[in-house]
Amino acid sequence: MAYLDVAGITSWHAHVYFNTNSRDVAWALREEVIARFGSIAEVGRFHERPVGPHPVWSYQIAFKRAHFADIVEWLALNRGTLDVLVHPNTDDELRDHRDHAIWLGLPHRLDLRVVGG
């Protein structure tokens, strides 16, 4: 097996998934993420529609490799019932979303056509 070098990871994304019923919970989590991690993470728009490969409503949290443990550990314990896709950013967007994804909660079927699949 050929092993990939983690130096190829330029950053990470966490995508918090929600729907009509969990919208307020997702918004409250987003506000807490901004309060706690706003200086080390970039929190994206609150999409109340599917965007990109994401099949449900979501927002993105973007962060550098150095902050992976701080942010992902906190999300693992505080996401409640929300599902979160965490993936690295390398030179292969399809592989990042399909093969190297980490799910907190339940996995969702992504529309991989959007990322070259």
PDB file of N, CA and C in Angstrom:
ATOM      1  N   MET A   1       0.846  -1.182   0.000  1.00  0.00           N
ATOM      2  CA  MET A   1       0.000   0.000   0.000  1.00  0.00           C
ATOM      3  C   MET A   1       0.892   1.247   0.000  1.00  0.00           C
ATOM      4  N   ALA A   2       0.548   2.190  -0.836  1.00  0.00           N
ATOM      5  CA  ALA A   2       1.259   3.469  -0.882  1.00  0.00           C
ATOM      6  C   ALA A   2       0.610   4.430   0.115  1.00  0.00           C
ATOM      7  N   TYR A   3       1.391   4.958   1.009  1.00  0.00           N
ATOM      8  CA  TYR A   3       0.871   5.880   2.014  1.00  0.00           C
ATOM      9  C   TYR A   3       1.032   7.315   1.545  1.00  0.00           C
ATOM     10  N   LEU A   4       0.030   8.110   1.830  1.00  0.00           N
ATOM     11  CA  LEU A   4       0.056   9.520   1.454  1.00  0.00           C
ATOM     12  C   LEU A   4       0.714  10.339   2.560  1.00  0.00           C
ATOM     13  N   ASP A   5       1.404  11.370   2.167  1.00  0.00           N
ATOM     14  CA  ASP A   5       2.082  12.256   3.111  1.00  0.00           C
ATOM     15  C   ASP A   5       1.091  13.301   3.617  1.00  0.00           C
ATOM     16  N   VAL A   6       0.936  13.396   4.926  1.00  0.00           N
ATOM     17  CA  VAL A   6      -0.005  14.373   5.484  1.00  0.00           C
ATOM     18  C   VAL A   6       0.410  15.806   5.198  1.00  0.00           C
ATOM     19  N   ALA A   7       1.631  16.013   4.772  1.00  0.00           N
ATOM     20  CA  ALA A   7       2.066  17.363   4.392  1.00  0.00           C
ATOM     21  C   ALA A   7       1.264  17.874   3.195  1.00  0.00           C
ATOM     22  N   GLY A   8       0.598  16.964   2.483  1.00  0.00           N
ATOM     23  CA  GLY A   8      -0.258  17.360   1.365  1.00  0.00           C
ATOM     24  C   GLY A   8      -1.571  17.994   1.802  1.00  0.00           C
ATOM     25  N   ILE A   9      -1.875  17.936   3.081  1.00  0.00           N
ATOM     26  CA  ILE A   9      -3.096  18.572   3.601  1.00  0.00           C
ATOM     27  C   ILE A   9      -2.784  20.050   3.828  1.00  0.00           C
ATOM     28  N   THR A  10      -3.461  20.907   3.086  1.00  0.00           N
ATOM     29  CA  THR A  10      -3.233  22.346   3.232  1.00  0.00           C
ATOM     30  C   THR A  10      -4.110  22.966   4.313  1.00  0.00           C
ATOM     31  N   SER A  11      -5.287  22.367   4.530  1.00  0.00           N
ATOM     32  CA  SER A  11      -6.222  22.868   5.544  1.00  0.00           C
ATOM     33  C   SER A  11      -7.346  21.840   5.701  1.00  0.00           C
ATOM     34  N   TRP A  12      -8.310  22.172   6.522  1.00  0.00           N
ATOM     35  CA  TRP A  12      -9.467  21.296   6.772  1.00  0.00           C
ATOM     36  C   TRP A  12     -10.764  22.084   6.647  1.00  0.00           C
ATOM     37  N   HIS A  13     -11.833  21.381   6.306  1.00  0.00           N
ATOM     38  CA  HIS A  13     -13.191  21.928   6.344  1.00  0.00           C
ATOM     39  C   HIS A  13     -14.060  21.030   7.209  1.00  0.00           C
ATOM     40  N   ALA A  14     -14.929  21.641   7.966  1.00  0.00           N
ATOM     41  CA  ALA A  14     -16.011  20.932   8.653  1.00  0.00           C
ATOM     42  C   ALA A  14     -17.304  21.523   8.109  1.00  0.00           C
ATOM     43  N   HIS A  15     -18.212  20.668   7.677  1.00  0.00           N
ATOM     44  CA  HIS A  15     -19.505  21.115   7.160  1.00  0.00           C
ATOM     45  C   HIS A  15     -20.584  20.625   8.105  1.00  0.00           C
ATOM     46  N   VAL A  16     -21.272  21.565   8.734  1.00  0.00           N
ATOM     47  CA  VAL A  16     -22.336  21.235   9.675  1.00  0.00           C
ATOM     48  C   VAL A  16     -23.641  21.148   8.894  1.00  0.00           C
ATOM     49  N   TYR A  17     -24.308  19.993   8.991  1.00  0.00           N
ATOM     50  CA  TYR A  17     -25.547  19.737   8.252  1.00  0.00           C
ATOM     51  C   TYR A  17     -26.760  19.969   9.156  1.00  0.00           C
ATOM     52  N   PHE A  18     -27.817  20.514   8.532  1.00  0.00           N
ATOM     53  CA  PHE A  18     -29.042  20.772   9.289  1.00  0.00           C
ATOM     54  C   PHE A  18     -30.224  20.805   8.335  1.00  0.00           C
ATOM     55  N   ASN A  19     -31.410  20.919   8.886  1.00  0.00           N
ATOM     56  CA  ASN A  19     -32.644  21.006   8.097  1.00  0.00           C
ATOM     57  C   ASN A  19     -33.605  21.965   8.800  1.00  0.00           C
ATOM     58  N   THR A  20     -34.826  22.005   8.337  1.00  0.00           N
ATOM     59  CA  THR A  20     -35.821  22.915   8.910  1.00  0.00           C
ATOM     60  C   THR A  20     -35.971  22.700  10.410  1.00  0.00           C
ATOM     61  N   ASN A  21     -36.024  21.446  10.834  1.00  0.00           N
ATOM     62  CA  ASN A  21     -36.242  21.136  12.249  1.00  0.00           C
ATOM     63  C   ASN A  21     -35.037  21.460  13.125  1.00  0.00           C
ATOM     64  N   SER A  22     -33.838  21.403  12.562  1.00  0.00           N
ATOM     65  CA  SER A  22     -32.631  21.634  13.364  1.00  0.00           C
ATOM     66  C   SER A  22     -31.972  22.981  13.071  1.00  0.00           C
ATOM     67  N   ARG A  23     -32.652  23.819  12.323  1.00  0.00           N
ATOM     68  CA  ARG A  23     -32.085  25.111  11.918  1.00  0.00           C
ATOM     69  C   ARG A  23     -31.622  25.949  13.099  1.00  0.00           C
ATOM     70  N   ASP A  24     -32.461  26.104  14.106  1.00  0.00           N
ATOM     71  CA  ASP A  24     -32.117  26.956  15.241  1.00  0.00           C
ATOM     72  C   ASP A  24     -30.941  26.397  16.037  1.00  0.00           C
ATOM     73  N   VAL A  25     -30.885  25.084  16.159  1.00  0.00           N
ATOM     74  CA  VAL A  25     -29.759  24.442  16.850  1.00  0.00           C
ATOM     75  C   VAL A  25     -28.470  24.679  16.065  1.00  0.00           C
ATOM     76  N   ALA A  26     -28.556  24.547  14.741  1.00  0.00           N
ATOM     77  CA  ALA A  26     -27.381  24.765  13.888  1.00  0.00           C
ATOM     78  C   ALA A  26     -26.916  26.216  13.979  1.00  0.00           C
ATOM     79  N   TRP A  27     -27.858  27.145  14.009  1.00  0.00           N
ATOM     80  CA  TRP A  27     -27.498  28.556  14.121  1.00  0.00           C
ATOM     81  C   TRP A  27     -26.811  28.835  15.461  1.00  0.00           C
ATOM     82  N   ALA A  28     -27.348  28.281  16.534  1.00  0.00           N
ATOM     83  CA  ALA A  28     -26.746  28.483  17.857  1.00  0.00           C
ATOM     84  C   ALA A  28     -25.335  27.888  17.901  1.00  0.00           C
ATOM     85  N   LEU A  29     -25.145  26.715  17.307  1.00  0.00           N
ATOM     86  CA  LEU A  29     -23.817  26.108  17.260  1.00  0.00           C
ATOM     87  C   LEU A  29     -22.867  26.991  16.454  1.00  0.00           C
ATOM     88  N   ARG A  30     -23.346  27.511  15.346  1.00  0.00           N
ATOM     89  CA  ARG A  30     -22.529  28.397  14.507  1.00  0.00           C
ATOM     90  C   ARG A  30     -22.065  29.617  15.297  1.00  0.00           C
ATOM     91  N   GLU A  31     -22.967  30.229  16.039  1.00  0.00           N
ATOM     92  CA  GLU A  31     -22.625  31.406  16.839  1.00  0.00           C
ATOM     93  C   GLU A  31     -21.586  31.056  17.906  1.00  0.00           C
ATOM     94  N   GLU A  32     -21.708  29.874  18.503  1.00  0.00           N
ATOM     95  CA  GLU A  32     -20.729  29.448  19.510  1.00  0.00           C
ATOM     96  C   GLU A  32     -19.373  29.176  18.872  1.00  0.00           C
ATOM     97  N   VAL A  33     -19.375  28.580  17.684  1.00  0.00           N
ATOM     98  CA  VAL A  33     -18.119  28.338  16.966  1.00  0.00           C
ATOM     99  C   VAL A  33     -17.424  29.668  16.671  1.00  0.00           C
ATOM    100  N   ILE A  34     -18.177  30.646  16.233  1.00  0.00           N
ATOM    101  CA  ILE A  34     -17.601  31.969  15.952  1.00  0.00           C
ATOM    102  C   ILE A  34     -17.028  32.577  17.233  1.00  0.00           C
ATOM    103  N   ALA A  35     -17.768  32.479  18.332  1.00  0.00           N
ATOM    104  CA  ALA A  35     -17.301  33.046  19.597  1.00  0.00           C
ATOM    105  C   ALA A  35     -16.029  32.353  20.088  1.00  0.00           C
ATOM    106  N   ARG A  36     -15.970  31.028  19.956  1.00  0.00           N
ATOM    107  CA  ARG A  36     -14.832  30.270  20.479  1.00  0.00           C
ATOM    108  C   ARG A  36     -13.636  30.245  19.533  1.00  0.00           C
ATOM    109  N   PHE A  37     -13.927  30.119  18.248  1.00  0.00           N
ATOM    110  CA  PHE A  37     -12.865  29.844  17.284  1.00  0.00           C
ATOM    111  C   PHE A  37     -12.738  30.897  16.182  1.00  0.00           C
ATOM    112  N   GLY A  38     -13.431  32.004  16.316  1.00  0.00           N
ATOM    113  CA  GLY A  38     -13.415  33.030  15.282  1.00  0.00           C
ATOM    114  C   GLY A  38     -12.042  33.556  14.928  1.00  0.00           C
ATOM    115  N   SER A  39     -11.110  33.472  15.849  1.00  0.00           N
ATOM    116  CA  SER A  39      -9.759  33.966  15.570  1.00  0.00           C
ATOM    117  C   SER A  39      -8.907  32.937  14.832  1.00  0.00           C
ATOM    118  N   ILE A  40      -9.348  31.663  14.809  1.00  0.00           N
ATOM    119  CA  ILE A  40      -8.556  30.617  14.152  1.00  0.00           C
ATOM    120  C   ILE A  40      -9.324  29.864  13.074  1.00  0.00           C
ATOM    121  N   ALA A  41     -10.585  30.203  12.893  1.00  0.00           N
ATOM    122  CA  ALA A  41     -11.403  29.527  11.881  1.00  0.00           C
ATOM    123  C   ALA A  41     -12.249  30.542  11.136  1.00  0.00           C
ATOM    124  N   GLU A  42     -12.562  30.197   9.909  1.00  0.00           N
ATOM    125  CA  GLU A  42     -13.434  31.030   9.090  1.00  0.00           C
ATOM    126  C   GLU A  42     -14.761  30.293   8.939  1.00  0.00           C
ATOM    127  N   VAL A  43     -15.834  30.919   9.386  1.00  0.00           N
ATOM    128  CA  VAL A  43     -17.154  30.294   9.325  1.00  0.00           C
ATOM    129  C   VAL A  43     -17.900  30.864   8.129  1.00  0.00           C
ATOM    130  N   GLY A  44     -18.350  29.957   7.277  1.00  0.00           N
ATOM    131  CA  GLY A  44     -19.016  30.358   6.041  1.00  0.00           C
ATOM    132  C   GLY A  44     -20.483  30.677   6.208  1.00  0.00           C
ATOM    133  N   ARG A  45     -21.088  30.969   5.069  1.00  0.00           N
ATOM    134  CA  ARG A  45     -22.506  31.339   5.044  1.00  0.00           C
ATOM    135  C   ARG A  45     -23.399  30.194   5.498  1.00  0.00           C
ATOM    136  N   PHE A  46     -24.559  30.548   5.988  1.00  0.00           N
ATOM    137  CA  PHE A  46     -25.588  29.628   6.483  1.00  0.00           C
ATOM    138  C   PHE A  46     -26.506  29.310   5.303  1.00  0.00           C
ATOM    139  N   HIS A  47     -26.246  28.189   4.640  1.00  0.00           N
ATOM    140  CA  HIS A  47     -26.985  27.843   3.425  1.00  0.00           C
ATOM    141  C   HIS A  47     -28.247  27.042   3.752  1.00  0.00           C
ATOM    142  N   GLU A  48     -29.386  27.632   3.477  1.00  0.00           N
ATOM    143  CA  GLU A  48     -30.659  26.939   3.685  1.00  0.00           C
ATOM    144  C   GLU A  48     -31.121  26.315   2.373  1.00  0.00           C
ATOM    145  N   ARG A  49     -30.187  25.634   1.736  1.00  0.00           N
ATOM    146  CA  ARG A  49     -30.410  24.854   0.520  1.00  0.00           C
ATOM    147  C   ARG A  49     -29.152  24.022   0.312  1.00  0.00           C
ATOM    148  N   PRO A  50     -29.234  22.942  -0.428  1.00  0.00           N
ATOM    149  CA  PRO A  50     -28.025  22.172  -0.729  1.00  0.00           C
ATOM    150  C   PRO A  50     -27.061  23.011  -1.569  1.00  0.00           C
ATOM    151  N   VAL A  51     -25.771  22.939  -1.260  1.00  0.00           N
ATOM    152  CA  VAL A  51     -24.742  23.685  -1.972  1.00  0.00           C
ATOM    153  C   VAL A  51     -23.576  22.737  -2.257  1.00  0.00           C
ATOM    154  N   GLY A  52     -23.057  22.792  -3.477  1.00  0.00           N
ATOM    155  CA  GLY A  52     -21.916  21.947  -3.841  1.00  0.00           C
ATOM    156  C   GLY A  52     -22.270  20.477  -3.707  1.00  0.00           C
ATOM    157  N   PRO A  53     -21.378  19.688  -3.139  1.00  0.00           N
ATOM    158  CA  PRO A  53     -21.647  18.255  -3.009  1.00  0.00           C
ATOM    159  C   PRO A  53     -22.547  17.919  -1.822  1.00  0.00           C
ATOM    160  N   HIS A  54     -22.922  18.922  -1.048  1.00  0.00           N
ATOM    161  CA  HIS A  54     -23.654  18.686   0.193  1.00  0.00           C
ATOM    162  C   HIS A  54     -25.160  18.549  -0.092  1.00  0.00           C
ATOM    163  N   PRO A  55     -25.749  17.414   0.284  1.00  0.00           N
ATOM    164  CA  PRO A  55     -27.129  17.123  -0.098  1.00  0.00           C
ATOM    165  C   PRO A  55     -28.198  17.802   0.748  1.00  0.00           C
ATOM    166  N   VAL A  56     -27.784  18.449   1.823  1.00  0.00           N
ATOM    167  CA  VAL A  56     -28.727  19.127   2.712  1.00  0.00           C
ATOM    168  C   VAL A  56     -28.170  20.509   3.051  1.00  0.00           C
ATOM    169  N   TRP A  57     -28.925  21.271   3.807  1.00  0.00           N
ATOM    170  CA  TRP A  57     -28.490  22.588   4.235  1.00  0.00           C
ATOM    171  C   TRP A  57     -27.216  22.461   5.064  1.00  0.00           C
ATOM    172  N   SER A  58     -26.342  23.468   4.974  1.00  0.00           N
ATOM    173  CA  SER A  58     -25.075  23.360   5.696  1.00  0.00           C
ATOM    174  C   SER A  58     -24.392  24.715   5.831  1.00  0.00           C
ATOM    175  N   TYR A  59     -23.374  24.735   6.667  1.00  0.00           N
ATOM    176  CA  TYR A  59     -22.403  25.826   6.678  1.00  0.00           C
ATOM    177  C   TYR A  59     -21.035  25.217   6.912  1.00  0.00           C
ATOM    178  N   GLN A  60     -20.026  25.946   6.486  1.00  0.00           N
ATOM    179  CA  GLN A  60     -18.649  25.453   6.513  1.00  0.00           C
ATOM    180  C   GLN A  60     -17.838  26.149   7.600  1.00  0.00           C
ATOM    181  N   ILE A  61     -16.957  25.375   8.216  1.00  0.00           N
ATOM    182  CA  ILE A  61     -15.956  25.913   9.126  1.00  0.00           C
ATOM    183  C   ILE A  61     -14.606  25.542   8.514  1.00  0.00           C
ATOM    184  N   ALA A  62     -13.816  26.531   8.138  1.00  0.00           N
ATOM    185  CA  ALA A  62     -12.512  26.299   7.511  1.00  0.00           C
ATOM    186  C   ALA A  62     -11.416  26.627   8.516  1.00  0.00           C
ATOM    187  N   PHE A  63     -10.394  25.747   8.581  1.00  0.00           N
ATOM    188  CA  PHE A  63      -9.330  25.971   9.551  1.00  0.00           C
ATOM    189  C   PHE A  63      -8.034  25.309   9.098  1.00  0.00           C
ATOM    190  N   LYS A  64      -6.933  25.787   9.653  1.00  0.00           N
ATOM    191  CA  LYS A  64      -5.604  25.275   9.328  1.00  0.00           C
ATOM    192  C   LYS A  64      -5.363  23.958  10.065  1.00  0.00           C
ATOM    193  N   ARG A  65      -4.396  23.211   9.551  1.00  0.00           N
ATOM    194  CA  ARG A  65      -4.035  21.922  10.155  1.00  0.00           C
ATOM    195  C   ARG A  65      -3.731  22.049  11.641  1.00  0.00           C
ATOM    196  N   ALA A  66      -3.078  23.120  12.014  1.00  0.00           N
ATOM    197  CA  ALA A  66      -2.658  23.297  13.405  1.00  0.00           C
ATOM    198  C   ALA A  66      -3.830  23.352  14.381  1.00  0.00           C
ATOM    199  N   HIS A  67      -5.030  23.627  13.879  1.00  0.00           N
ATOM    200  CA  HIS A  67      -6.198  23.788  14.753  1.00  0.00           C
ATOM    201  C   HIS A  67      -7.170  22.613  14.664  1.00  0.00           C
ATOM    202  N   PHE A  68      -6.759  21.545  13.966  1.00  0.00           N
ATOM    203  CA  PHE A  68      -7.640  20.381  13.795  1.00  0.00           C
ATOM    204  C   PHE A  68      -8.143  19.848  15.136  1.00  0.00           C
ATOM    205  N   ALA A  69      -7.255  19.545  16.043  1.00  0.00           N
ATOM    206  CA  ALA A  69      -7.659  18.943  17.319  1.00  0.00           C
ATOM    207  C   ALA A  69      -8.587  19.867  18.097  1.00  0.00           C
ATOM    208  N   ASP A  70      -8.246  21.133  18.188  1.00  0.00           N
ATOM    209  CA  ASP A  70      -9.081  22.072  18.946  1.00  0.00           C
ATOM    210  C   ASP A  70     -10.512  22.085  18.430  1.00  0.00           C
ATOM    211  N   ILE A  71     -10.663  22.212  17.130  1.00  0.00           N
ATOM    212  CA  ILE A  71     -12.000  22.388  16.543  1.00  0.00           C
ATOM    213  C   ILE A  71     -12.749  21.070  16.423  1.00  0.00           C
ATOM    214  N   VAL A  72     -12.124  20.035  15.903  1.00  0.00           N
ATOM    215  CA  VAL A  72     -12.835  18.767  15.692  1.00  0.00           C
ATOM    216  C   VAL A  72     -13.178  18.100  17.025  1.00  0.00           C
ATOM    217  N   GLU A  73     -12.287  18.152  17.985  1.00  0.00           N
ATOM    218  CA  GLU A  73     -12.613  17.590  19.297  1.00  0.00           C
ATOM    219  C   GLU A  73     -13.802  18.309  19.915  1.00  0.00           C
ATOM    220  N   TRP A  74     -13.827  19.634  19.789  1.00  0.00           N
ATOM    221  CA  TRP A  74     -14.945  20.401  20.353  1.00  0.00           C
ATOM    222  C   TRP A  74     -16.244  20.058  19.626  1.00  0.00           C
ATOM    223  N   LEU A  75     -16.194  19.982  18.293  1.00  0.00           N
ATOM    224  CA  LEU A  75     -17.397  19.619  17.532  1.00  0.00           C
ATOM    225  C   LEU A  75     -17.885  18.218  17.883  1.00  0.00           C
ATOM    226  N   ALA A  76     -16.961  17.274  18.070  1.00  0.00           N
ATOM    227  CA  ALA A  76     -17.340  15.908  18.402  1.00  0.00           C
ATOM    228  C   ALA A  76     -18.170  15.861  19.686  1.00  0.00           C
ATOM    229  N   LEU A  77     -17.832  16.695  20.644  1.00  0.00           N
ATOM    230  CA  LEU A  77     -18.527  16.684  21.930  1.00  0.00           C
ATOM    231  C   LEU A  77     -19.728  17.620  21.994  1.00  0.00           C
ATOM    232  N   ASN A  78     -19.807  18.587  21.086  1.00  0.00           N
ATOM    233  CA  ASN A  78     -20.823  19.634  21.218  1.00  0.00           C
ATOM    234  C   ASN A  78     -21.763  19.776  20.033  1.00  0.00           C
ATOM    235  N   ARG A  79     -21.689  18.888  19.041  1.00  0.00           N
ATOM    236  CA  ARG A  79     -22.537  18.997  17.854  1.00  0.00           C
ATOM    237  C   ARG A  79     -23.978  18.603  18.123  1.00  0.00           C
ATOM    238  N   GLY A  80     -24.247  18.000  19.274  1.00  0.00           N
ATOM    239  CA  GLY A  80     -25.594  17.538  19.582  1.00  0.00           C
ATOM    240  C   GLY A  80     -26.007  16.465  18.594  1.00  0.00           C
ATOM    241  N   THR A  81     -27.174  16.642  17.980  1.00  0.00           N
ATOM    242  CA  THR A  81     -27.671  15.667  17.007  1.00  0.00           C
ATOM    243  C   THR A  81     -27.332  16.052  15.568  1.00  0.00           C
ATOM    244  N   LEU A  82     -26.585  17.131  15.383  1.00  0.00           N
ATOM    245  CA  LEU A  82     -26.224  17.563  14.038  1.00  0.00           C
ATOM    246  C   LEU A  82     -25.134  16.654  13.472  1.00  0.00           C
ATOM    247  N   ASP A  83     -25.191  16.404  12.183  1.00  0.00           N
ATOM    248  CA  ASP A  83     -24.166  15.632  11.500  1.00  0.00           C
ATOM    249  C   ASP A  83     -23.135  16.601  10.933  1.00  0.00           C
ATOM    250  N   VAL A  84     -21.862  16.196  10.997  1.00  0.00           N
ATOM    251  CA  VAL A  84     -20.775  17.059  10.537  1.00  0.00           C
ATOM    252  C   VAL A  84     -19.831  16.246   9.659  1.00  0.00           C
ATOM    253  N   LEU A  85     -19.584  16.735   8.459  1.00  0.00           N
ATOM    254  CA  LEU A  85     -18.581  16.174   7.565  1.00  0.00           C
ATOM    255  C   LEU A  85     -17.282  16.953   7.779  1.00  0.00           C
ATOM    256  N   VAL A  86     -16.205  16.247   8.070  1.00  0.00           N
ATOM    257  CA  VAL A  86     -14.895  16.861   8.206  1.00  0.00           C
ATOM    258  C   VAL A  86     -14.010  16.249   7.121  1.00  0.00           C
ATOM    259  N   HIS A  87     -13.345  17.084   6.340  1.00  0.00           N
ATOM    260  CA  HIS A  87     -12.469  16.549   5.294  1.00  0.00           C
ATOM    261  C   HIS A  87     -11.226  17.417   5.128  1.00  0.00           C
ATOM    262  N   PRO A  88     -10.126  16.767   4.722  1.00  0.00           N
ATOM    263  CA  PRO A  88      -8.914  17.530   4.449  1.00  0.00           C
ATOM    264  C   PRO A  88      -9.032  18.236   3.108  1.00  0.00           C
ATOM    265  N   ASN A  89      -8.207  19.215   2.897  1.00  0.00           N
ATOM    266  CA  ASN A  89      -8.072  19.874   1.598  1.00  0.00           C
ATOM    267  C   ASN A  89      -6.668  19.568   1.077  1.00  0.00           C
ATOM    268  N   THR A  90      -6.628  18.820  -0.016  1.00  0.00           N
ATOM    269  CA  THR A  90      -5.370  18.473  -0.676  1.00  0.00           C
ATOM    270  C   THR A  90      -5.494  18.889  -2.135  1.00  0.00           C
ATOM    271  N   ASP A  91      -4.716  18.277  -2.987  1.00  0.00           N
ATOM    272  CA  ASP A  91      -4.808  18.584  -4.414  1.00  0.00           C
ATOM    273  C   ASP A  91      -5.849  17.723  -5.128  1.00  0.00           C
ATOM    274  N   ASP A  92      -6.655  16.957  -4.367  1.00  0.00           N
ATOM    275  CA  ASP A  92      -7.644  16.060  -4.959  1.00  0.00           C
ATOM    276  C   ASP A  92      -8.971  16.179  -4.213  1.00  0.00           C
ATOM    277  N   GLU A  93      -9.816  17.080  -4.695  1.00  0.00           N
ATOM    278  CA  GLU A  93     -11.081  17.375  -4.029  1.00  0.00           C
ATOM    279  C   GLU A  93     -12.005  16.158  -3.968  1.00  0.00           C
ATOM    280  N   LEU A  94     -12.036  15.358  -5.024  1.00  0.00           N
ATOM    281  CA  LEU A  94     -12.871  14.157  -5.022  1.00  0.00           C
ATOM    282  C   LEU A  94     -12.418  13.194  -3.927  1.00  0.00           C
ATOM    283  N   ARG A  95     -11.147  12.899  -3.904  1.00  0.00           N
ATOM    284  CA  ARG A  95     -10.606  11.988  -2.894  1.00  0.00           C
ATOM    285  C   ARG A  95     -10.838  12.537  -1.482  1.00  0.00           C
ATOM    286  N   ASP A  96     -10.663  13.845  -1.308  1.00  0.00           N
ATOM    287  CA  ASP A  96     -10.868  14.457   0.011  1.00  0.00           C
ATOM    288  C   ASP A  96     -12.277  14.201   0.534  1.00  0.00           C
ATOM    289  N   HIS A  97     -13.276  14.377  -0.331  1.00  0.00           N
ATOM    290  CA  HIS A  97     -14.671  14.210   0.076  1.00  0.00           C
ATOM    291  C   HIS A  97     -15.110  12.748   0.134  1.00  0.00           C
ATOM    292  N   ARG A  98     -14.597  11.931  -0.768  1.00  0.00           N
ATOM    293  CA  ARG A  98     -15.061  10.545  -0.880  1.00  0.00           C
ATOM    294  C   ARG A  98     -14.268   9.590   0.011  1.00  0.00           C
ATOM    295  N   ASP A  99     -12.960   9.676  -0.036  1.00  0.00           N
ATOM    296  CA  ASP A  99     -12.114   8.671   0.602  1.00  0.00           C
ATOM    297  C   ASP A  99     -11.554   9.078   1.957  1.00  0.00           C
ATOM    298  N   HIS A 100     -11.433  10.368   2.200  1.00  0.00           N
ATOM    299  CA  HIS A 100     -10.768  10.831   3.421  1.00  0.00           C
ATOM    300  C   HIS A 100     -11.694  11.592   4.352  1.00  0.00           C
ATOM    301  N   ALA A 101     -12.973  11.455   4.146  1.00  0.00           N
ATOM    302  CA  ALA A 101     -13.950  12.150   4.985  1.00  0.00           C
ATOM    303  C   ALA A 101     -14.036  11.500   6.358  1.00  0.00           C
ATOM    304  N   ILE A 102     -14.264  12.324   7.351  1.00  0.00           N
ATOM    305  CA  ILE A 102     -14.526  11.883   8.717  1.00  0.00           C
ATOM    306  C   ILE A 102     -15.926  12.381   9.059  1.00  0.00           C
ATOM    307  N   TRP A 103     -16.777  11.492   9.516  1.00  0.00           N
ATOM    308  CA  TRP A 103     -18.141  11.881   9.852  1.00  0.00           C
ATOM    309  C   TRP A 103     -18.328  11.909  11.361  1.00  0.00           C
ATOM    310  N   LEU A 104     -18.858  12.999  11.849  1.00  0.00           N
ATOM    311  CA  LEU A 104     -19.331  13.098  13.229  1.00  0.00           C
ATOM    312  C   LEU A 104     -20.844  12.979  13.122  1.00  0.00           C
ATOM    313  N   GLY A 105     -21.405  11.918  13.635  1.00  0.00           N
ATOM    314  CA  GLY A 105     -22.826  11.648  13.439  1.00  0.00           C
ATOM    315  C   GLY A 105     -23.014  10.722  12.261  1.00  0.00           C
ATOM    316  N   LEU A 106     -24.126  10.869  11.587  1.00  0.00           N
ATOM    317  CA  LEU A 106     -24.457   9.986  10.470  1.00  0.00           C
ATOM    318  C   LEU A 106     -23.874  10.495   9.160  1.00  0.00           C
ATOM    319  N   PRO A 107     -23.362   9.605   8.318  1.00  0.00           N
ATOM    320  CA  PRO A 107     -22.878  10.024   7.000  1.00  0.00           C
ATOM    321  C   PRO A 107     -24.042  10.325   6.057  1.00  0.00           C
ATOM    322  N   HIS A 108     -23.786  11.181   5.105  1.00  0.00           N
ATOM    323  CA  HIS A 108     -24.766  11.527   4.071  1.00  0.00           C
ATOM    324  C   HIS A 108     -24.154  11.189   2.714  1.00  0.00           C
ATOM    325  N   ARG A 109     -25.008  10.878   1.750  1.00  0.00           N
ATOM    326  CA  ARG A 109     -24.530  10.607   0.389  1.00  0.00           C
ATOM    327  C   ARG A 109     -24.285  11.951  -0.295  1.00  0.00           C
ATOM    328  N   LEU A 110     -23.050  12.206  -0.666  1.00  0.00           N
ATOM    329  CA  LEU A 110     -22.666  13.454  -1.310  1.00  0.00           C
ATOM    330  C   LEU A 110     -22.889  13.373  -2.817  1.00  0.00           C
ATOM    331  N   ASP A 111     -23.086  14.515  -3.447  1.00  0.00           N
ATOM    332  CA  ASP A 111     -23.157  14.596  -4.902  1.00  0.00           C
ATOM    333  C   ASP A 111     -21.729  14.808  -5.401  1.00  0.00           C
ATOM    334  N   LEU A 112     -21.023  13.737  -5.595  1.00  0.00           N
ATOM    335  CA  LEU A 112     -19.599  13.808  -5.936  1.00  0.00           C
ATOM    336  C   LEU A 112     -19.326  14.301  -7.350  1.00  0.00           C
ATOM    337  N   ARG A 113     -20.360  14.406  -8.185  1.00  0.00           N
ATOM    338  CA  ARG A 113     -20.172  14.965  -9.528  1.00  0.00           C
ATOM    339  C   ARG A 113     -19.627  16.383  -9.448  1.00  0.00           C
ATOM    340  N   VAL A 114     -20.002  17.090  -8.394  1.00  0.00           N
ATOM    341  CA  VAL A 114     -19.604  18.480  -8.218  1.00  0.00           C
ATOM    342  C   VAL A 114     -18.091  18.598  -7.979  1.00  0.00           C
ATOM    343  N   VAL A 115     -17.483  17.539  -7.446  1.00  0.00           N
ATOM    344  CA  VAL A 115     -16.042  17.566  -7.143  1.00  0.00           C
ATOM    345  C   VAL A 115     -15.258  16.604  -8.031  1.00  0.00           C
ATOM    346  N   GLY A 116     -15.807  16.320  -9.195  1.00  0.00           N
ATOM    347  CA  GLY A 116     -15.091  15.499 -10.172  1.00  0.00           C
ATOM    348  C   GLY A 116     -15.420  14.025 -10.185  1.00  0.00           C
ATOM    349  N   GLY A 117     -16.440  13.628  -9.442  1.00  0.00           N
ATOM    350  CA  GLY A 117     -16.802  12.197  -9.377  1.00  0.00           C
ATOM    351  C   GLY A 117     -17.837  11.774 -10.371  1.00  0.00           C
TER     352      GLY A 117
END
